[in-house]
N, C-alpha and C. Protein backbone atom coordinates (compact mmCIF):
# COMPACT_ATOMS: atom_id res chain seq x y z
N UNK A 1 0.85 -1.17 0.00
CA UNK A 1 0.00 0.00 0.00
C UNK A 1 0.89 1.24 0.00
N UNK A 2 0.49 2.23 -0.72
CA UNK A 2 1.28 3.44 -0.87
C UNK A 2 1.20 4.29 0.39
N UNK A 3 2.31 5.00 0.69
CA UNK A 3 2.33 5.95 1.78
C UNK A 3 1.38 7.09 1.43
N UNK A 4 0.62 7.58 2.41
CA UNK A 4 -0.37 8.62 2.14
C UNK A 4 0.25 9.91 1.63
N UNK A 5 1.52 10.15 1.96
CA UNK A 5 2.16 11.38 1.51
C UNK A 5 2.75 11.23 0.10
N UNK A 6 2.81 10.01 -0.41
CA UNK A 6 3.38 9.76 -1.74
C UNK A 6 2.38 10.15 -2.83
N UNK A 7 2.87 10.93 -3.78
CA UNK A 7 2.02 11.36 -4.89
C UNK A 7 2.10 10.31 -6.00
N UNK A 8 0.95 9.89 -6.50
CA UNK A 8 0.90 8.91 -7.58
C UNK A 8 0.17 9.50 -8.77
N UNK A 9 0.50 9.02 -9.94
CA UNK A 9 -0.24 9.41 -11.13
C UNK A 9 -1.45 8.50 -11.22
N UNK A 10 -2.62 9.10 -11.18
CA UNK A 10 -3.89 8.38 -11.12
C UNK A 10 -4.83 8.88 -12.20
N UNK A 11 -5.93 8.19 -12.37
CA UNK A 11 -6.99 8.64 -13.26
C UNK A 11 -8.18 9.05 -12.41
N UNK A 12 -8.64 10.27 -12.60
CA UNK A 12 -9.83 10.77 -11.94
C UNK A 12 -11.02 10.48 -12.85
N UNK A 13 -12.06 9.89 -12.28
CA UNK A 13 -13.26 9.54 -13.05
C UNK A 13 -14.44 10.31 -12.48
N UNK A 14 -15.17 10.99 -13.35
CA UNK A 14 -16.38 11.72 -12.96
C UNK A 14 -17.52 11.34 -13.91
N UNK A 15 -18.72 11.52 -13.45
CA UNK A 15 -19.89 11.18 -14.24
C UNK A 15 -20.76 10.23 -13.42
N UNK A 16 -21.29 9.21 -14.06
CA UNK A 16 -22.11 8.20 -13.39
C UNK A 16 -21.16 7.30 -12.59
N UNK A 17 -21.01 7.59 -11.29
CA UNK A 17 -20.02 6.88 -10.49
C UNK A 17 -20.39 5.43 -10.21
N UNK A 18 -21.67 5.12 -10.21
CA UNK A 18 -22.08 3.72 -10.03
C UNK A 18 -21.63 2.91 -11.25
N UNK A 19 -21.91 3.44 -12.43
CA UNK A 19 -21.47 2.78 -13.65
C UNK A 19 -19.95 2.66 -13.69
N UNK A 20 -19.27 3.74 -13.29
CA UNK A 20 -17.81 3.73 -13.26
C UNK A 20 -17.28 2.67 -12.29
N UNK A 21 -17.88 2.59 -11.10
CA UNK A 21 -17.44 1.62 -10.10
C UNK A 21 -17.65 0.19 -10.59
N UNK A 22 -18.76 -0.06 -11.26
CA UNK A 22 -19.00 -1.40 -11.81
C UNK A 22 -17.94 -1.75 -12.85
N UNK A 23 -17.61 -0.82 -13.69
CA UNK A 23 -16.60 -1.03 -14.73
C UNK A 23 -15.23 -1.26 -14.09
N UNK A 24 -14.87 -0.43 -13.15
CA UNK A 24 -13.57 -0.55 -12.48
C UNK A 24 -13.49 -1.89 -11.73
N UNK A 25 -14.59 -2.29 -11.11
CA UNK A 25 -14.62 -3.58 -10.41
C UNK A 25 -14.38 -4.75 -11.34
N UNK A 26 -14.89 -4.67 -12.56
CA UNK A 26 -14.67 -5.75 -13.53
C UNK A 26 -13.18 -5.91 -13.85
N UNK A 27 -12.45 -4.80 -13.78
CA UNK A 27 -11.02 -4.84 -14.05
C UNK A 27 -10.20 -5.07 -12.78
N UNK A 28 -10.88 -5.13 -11.65
CA UNK A 28 -10.23 -5.34 -10.36
C UNK A 28 -9.09 -4.35 -10.10
N UNK A 29 -9.34 -3.10 -10.46
CA UNK A 29 -8.34 -2.04 -10.30
C UNK A 29 -8.50 -1.37 -8.94
N UNK A 30 -7.41 -1.02 -8.27
CA UNK A 30 -7.51 -0.29 -7.01
C UNK A 30 -8.21 1.05 -7.23
N UNK A 31 -9.11 1.41 -6.31
CA UNK A 31 -9.93 2.60 -6.51
C UNK A 31 -10.16 3.31 -5.18
N UNK A 32 -10.04 4.62 -5.21
CA UNK A 32 -10.36 5.47 -4.06
C UNK A 32 -11.72 6.09 -4.33
N UNK A 33 -12.66 5.90 -3.42
CA UNK A 33 -14.03 6.35 -3.61
C UNK A 33 -14.25 7.66 -2.86
N UNK A 34 -14.72 8.67 -3.57
CA UNK A 34 -15.04 9.95 -2.96
C UNK A 34 -16.46 10.33 -3.35
N UNK A 35 -17.00 11.39 -2.76
CA UNK A 35 -18.39 11.79 -3.01
C UNK A 35 -18.67 12.11 -4.47
N UNK A 36 -17.76 12.82 -5.13
CA UNK A 36 -18.03 13.31 -6.47
C UNK A 36 -17.10 12.76 -7.55
N UNK A 37 -16.23 11.81 -7.18
CA UNK A 37 -15.30 11.24 -8.15
C UNK A 37 -14.71 9.95 -7.62
N UNK A 38 -14.08 9.22 -8.54
CA UNK A 38 -13.30 8.04 -8.20
C UNK A 38 -11.87 8.28 -8.66
N UNK A 39 -10.91 7.85 -7.88
CA UNK A 39 -9.51 7.86 -8.29
C UNK A 39 -9.10 6.42 -8.48
N UNK A 40 -8.48 6.12 -9.61
CA UNK A 40 -8.18 4.74 -9.94
C UNK A 40 -6.81 4.63 -10.59
N UNK A 41 -6.16 3.51 -10.36
CA UNK A 41 -4.93 3.18 -11.09
C UNK A 41 -5.38 2.35 -12.28
N UNK A 42 -5.45 3.00 -13.43
CA UNK A 42 -6.07 2.39 -14.60
C UNK A 42 -5.04 2.09 -15.68
N UNK A 43 -5.18 0.91 -16.26
CA UNK A 43 -4.40 0.55 -17.44
C UNK A 43 -5.11 1.02 -18.69
N UNK A 44 -4.49 0.77 -19.84
CA UNK A 44 -5.04 1.23 -21.11
C UNK A 44 -6.42 0.63 -21.40
N UNK A 45 -6.61 -0.64 -21.07
CA UNK A 45 -7.89 -1.29 -21.34
C UNK A 45 -9.01 -0.67 -20.51
N UNK A 46 -8.73 -0.41 -19.23
CA UNK A 46 -9.73 0.20 -18.36
C UNK A 46 -10.04 1.62 -18.82
N UNK A 47 -9.03 2.37 -19.19
CA UNK A 47 -9.26 3.73 -19.69
C UNK A 47 -10.16 3.72 -20.92
N UNK A 48 -9.92 2.77 -21.82
CA UNK A 48 -10.76 2.66 -23.02
C UNK A 48 -12.20 2.32 -22.66
N UNK A 49 -12.38 1.43 -21.68
CA UNK A 49 -13.73 1.04 -21.26
C UNK A 49 -14.46 2.23 -20.62
N UNK A 50 -13.77 2.97 -19.78
CA UNK A 50 -14.39 4.14 -19.13
C UNK A 50 -14.78 5.19 -20.16
N UNK A 51 -13.90 5.42 -21.13
CA UNK A 51 -14.20 6.39 -22.19
C UNK A 51 -15.39 5.92 -23.03
N UNK A 52 -15.46 4.61 -23.31
CA UNK A 52 -16.56 4.07 -24.11
C UNK A 52 -17.91 4.23 -23.39
N UNK A 53 -17.87 4.28 -22.07
CA UNK A 53 -19.10 4.48 -21.29
C UNK A 53 -19.48 5.95 -21.17
N UNK A 54 -18.67 6.83 -21.74
CA UNK A 54 -18.98 8.25 -21.71
C UNK A 54 -18.61 8.94 -20.41
N UNK A 55 -17.74 8.32 -19.63
CA UNK A 55 -17.32 8.92 -18.36
C UNK A 55 -16.19 9.91 -18.60
N UNK A 56 -16.13 10.93 -17.77
CA UNK A 56 -15.07 11.93 -17.89
C UNK A 56 -13.85 11.46 -17.11
N UNK A 57 -12.72 11.37 -17.78
CA UNK A 57 -11.48 10.93 -17.14
C UNK A 57 -10.38 11.95 -17.40
N UNK A 58 -9.49 12.11 -16.41
CA UNK A 58 -8.32 12.96 -16.59
C UNK A 58 -7.23 12.44 -15.67
N UNK A 59 -5.99 12.69 -16.03
CA UNK A 59 -4.84 12.28 -15.24
C UNK A 59 -4.56 13.31 -14.16
N UNK A 60 -4.33 12.83 -12.92
CA UNK A 60 -4.02 13.69 -11.79
C UNK A 60 -2.85 13.08 -11.01
N UNK A 61 -2.16 13.89 -10.24
CA UNK A 61 -1.10 13.42 -9.34
C UNK A 61 -1.52 13.78 -7.92
N UNK A 62 -1.91 12.74 -7.15
CA UNK A 62 -2.43 12.94 -5.80
C UNK A 62 -2.04 11.77 -4.92
N UNK A 63 -2.16 11.95 -3.60
CA UNK A 63 -2.01 10.80 -2.71
C UNK A 63 -3.14 9.80 -2.98
N UNK A 64 -2.92 8.54 -2.69
CA UNK A 64 -3.88 7.50 -3.04
C UNK A 64 -4.14 6.60 -1.85
N UNK A 65 -5.40 6.50 -1.46
CA UNK A 65 -5.83 5.58 -0.41
C UNK A 65 -6.98 4.75 -0.96
N UNK A 66 -6.66 3.63 -1.63
CA UNK A 66 -7.74 2.84 -2.24
C UNK A 66 -8.62 2.16 -1.20
N UNK A 67 -9.86 1.93 -1.59
CA UNK A 67 -10.79 1.19 -0.75
C UNK A 67 -10.31 -0.24 -0.64
N UNK A 68 -10.58 -0.91 0.49
CA UNK A 68 -10.17 -2.32 0.62
C UNK A 68 -10.92 -3.17 -0.40
N UNK A 69 -10.26 -4.19 -0.88
CA UNK A 69 -10.90 -5.09 -1.83
C UNK A 69 -11.77 -6.07 -1.06
N UNK A 70 -12.99 -6.25 -1.51
CA UNK A 70 -13.90 -7.19 -0.88
C UNK A 70 -13.90 -8.46 -1.71
N UNK A 71 -13.36 -9.52 -1.14
CA UNK A 71 -13.27 -10.78 -1.85
C UNK A 71 -13.68 -11.90 -0.91
N UNK A 72 -14.20 -13.00 -1.46
CA UNK A 72 -14.52 -14.14 -0.61
C UNK A 72 -13.26 -14.64 0.10
N UNK A 73 -13.44 -15.25 1.25
CA UNK A 73 -12.31 -15.73 2.04
C UNK A 73 -11.42 -16.65 1.21
N UNK A 74 -12.01 -17.52 0.39
CA UNK A 74 -11.24 -18.47 -0.41
C UNK A 74 -10.28 -17.72 -1.34
N UNK A 75 -10.76 -16.64 -1.94
CA UNK A 75 -9.93 -15.89 -2.88
C UNK A 75 -8.78 -15.21 -2.17
N UNK A 76 -9.00 -14.75 -0.95
CA UNK A 76 -7.93 -14.07 -0.21
C UNK A 76 -6.82 -15.03 0.17
N UNK A 77 -7.13 -16.32 0.26
CA UNK A 77 -6.12 -17.30 0.63
C UNK A 77 -5.56 -18.02 -0.59
N UNK A 78 -5.88 -17.54 -1.77
CA UNK A 78 -5.32 -18.11 -2.98
C UNK A 78 -6.00 -19.39 -3.45
N UNK A 79 -7.10 -19.78 -2.84
CA UNK A 79 -7.79 -20.99 -3.27
C UNK A 79 -9.08 -20.61 -3.97
N UNK A 80 -9.40 -21.36 -4.98
CA UNK A 80 -10.66 -21.14 -5.69
C UNK A 80 -11.44 -22.44 -5.66
N UNK A 81 -12.73 -22.32 -5.47
CA UNK A 81 -13.59 -23.48 -5.51
C UNK A 81 -14.40 -23.44 -6.79
N UNK A 82 -14.50 -24.58 -7.42
CA UNK A 82 -15.32 -24.70 -8.61
C UNK A 82 -16.59 -25.41 -8.20
N UNK A 83 -17.72 -24.82 -8.52
CA UNK A 83 -18.99 -25.44 -8.20
C UNK A 83 -19.64 -25.92 -9.49
N UNK A 84 -20.13 -27.13 -9.44
CA UNK A 84 -20.80 -27.71 -10.61
C UNK A 84 -22.29 -27.72 -10.34
N UNK A 85 -23.04 -27.19 -11.27
CA UNK A 85 -24.49 -27.19 -11.16
C UNK A 85 -25.01 -28.03 -12.32
N UNK A 86 -25.62 -29.14 -12.00
CA UNK A 86 -26.13 -30.01 -13.04
C UNK A 86 -27.64 -30.00 -13.09
N UNK A 87 -28.17 -30.39 -14.19
CA UNK A 87 -29.61 -30.48 -14.36
C UNK A 87 -29.97 -31.93 -14.62
N UNK A 88 -31.11 -32.34 -14.12
CA UNK A 88 -31.60 -33.68 -14.36
C UNK A 88 -32.93 -33.54 -15.08
N UNK A 89 -33.00 -34.08 -16.27
CA UNK A 89 -34.24 -34.01 -17.03
C UNK A 89 -35.14 -35.17 -16.66
N UNK A 90 -36.39 -34.89 -16.38
CA UNK A 90 -37.35 -35.92 -16.02
C UNK A 90 -38.08 -36.37 -17.28
N UNK A 91 -38.26 -37.67 -17.39
CA UNK A 91 -39.02 -38.21 -18.51
C UNK A 91 -40.43 -38.54 -18.05
N UNK A 92 -41.32 -38.79 -19.02
CA UNK A 92 -42.70 -39.14 -18.68
C UNK A 92 -42.75 -40.44 -17.88
N UNK A 93 -41.84 -41.39 -18.18
CA UNK A 93 -41.80 -42.65 -17.45
C UNK A 93 -41.49 -42.42 -15.97
N UNK A 94 -40.59 -41.52 -15.67
CA UNK A 94 -40.25 -41.22 -14.28
C UNK A 94 -41.43 -40.60 -13.56
N UNK A 95 -42.20 -39.74 -14.25
CA UNK A 95 -43.36 -39.11 -13.63
C UNK A 95 -44.42 -40.15 -13.28
N UNK A 96 -44.65 -41.13 -14.18
CA UNK A 96 -45.63 -42.18 -13.91
C UNK A 96 -45.19 -43.04 -12.73
N UNK A 97 -43.89 -43.38 -12.65
CA UNK A 97 -43.39 -44.18 -11.54
C UNK A 97 -43.56 -43.42 -10.23
N UNK A 98 -43.34 -42.12 -10.25
CA UNK A 98 -43.47 -41.30 -9.05
C UNK A 98 -44.93 -41.28 -8.59
N UNK A 99 -45.89 -41.20 -9.55
CA UNK A 99 -47.31 -41.17 -9.20
C UNK A 99 -47.73 -42.50 -8.59
N UNK A 100 -47.24 -43.63 -9.15
CA UNK A 100 -47.61 -44.95 -8.66
C UNK A 100 -47.03 -45.20 -7.28
N UNK A 101 -45.89 -44.61 -6.99
CA UNK A 101 -45.24 -44.84 -5.71
C UNK A 101 -45.73 -43.86 -4.64
N UNK A 102 -46.76 -43.10 -4.95
CA UNK A 102 -47.30 -42.18 -3.96
C UNK A 102 -46.57 -40.85 -3.95
N UNK A 103 -45.85 -40.55 -5.02
CA UNK A 103 -45.12 -39.29 -5.11
C UNK A 103 -46.04 -38.14 -5.40
N UNK A 104 -45.50 -37.01 -5.50
CA UNK A 104 -46.25 -35.79 -5.76
C UNK A 104 -46.54 -35.71 -7.24
N UNK A 105 -47.78 -35.45 -7.59
CA UNK A 105 -48.13 -35.31 -9.00
C UNK A 105 -47.88 -33.88 -9.44
N UNK A 106 -47.68 -33.67 -10.73
CA UNK A 106 -47.42 -32.31 -11.20
C UNK A 106 -48.57 -31.37 -10.86
N UNK A 107 -48.22 -30.14 -10.54
CA UNK A 107 -49.24 -29.15 -10.20
C UNK A 107 -49.98 -28.71 -11.46
N UNK A 108 -51.21 -28.31 -11.27
CA UNK A 108 -52.01 -27.84 -12.39
C UNK A 108 -52.29 -26.35 -12.22
N UNK A 109 -52.27 -25.65 -13.34
CA UNK A 109 -52.62 -24.24 -13.30
C UNK A 109 -54.08 -24.01 -13.64
N UNK A 110 -54.84 -25.09 -13.81
CA UNK A 110 -56.24 -24.97 -14.20
C UNK A 110 -57.13 -24.60 -13.04
C-alpha cells in the first residue's frame, strides 16, 4: 500500500459513479471512492472502457488511499472453488413411476 504522503499518477473519473465503479470492479483495479469522483490506477484497457461508457477521465497526481478489496475468504487465501451445477431431465416414465409410488403429481394451473 502506498504511503499517504506519496504522490501517484492516477486517473480521476467523474460522471455516473455507479457505472464507473462497476466497470472498475470488472477490471479489479484499485480505486479510491469519494463523493463526487473516483480515483483509480487504470491501465489502457480500463481507460478505453471508461471512455466508451462516456465517463469523464483525466490524469491527476495525488495521494492515493484505495478502498479495501472485498473478496470471498477463499480468494484471499489463494484458493478457488469450482462449483458444478447439473440439471436432471425428467421423462414421462419417471413421472408415472413417481405417481404410482405415492409421489407428488405435477401441479395444475387450471
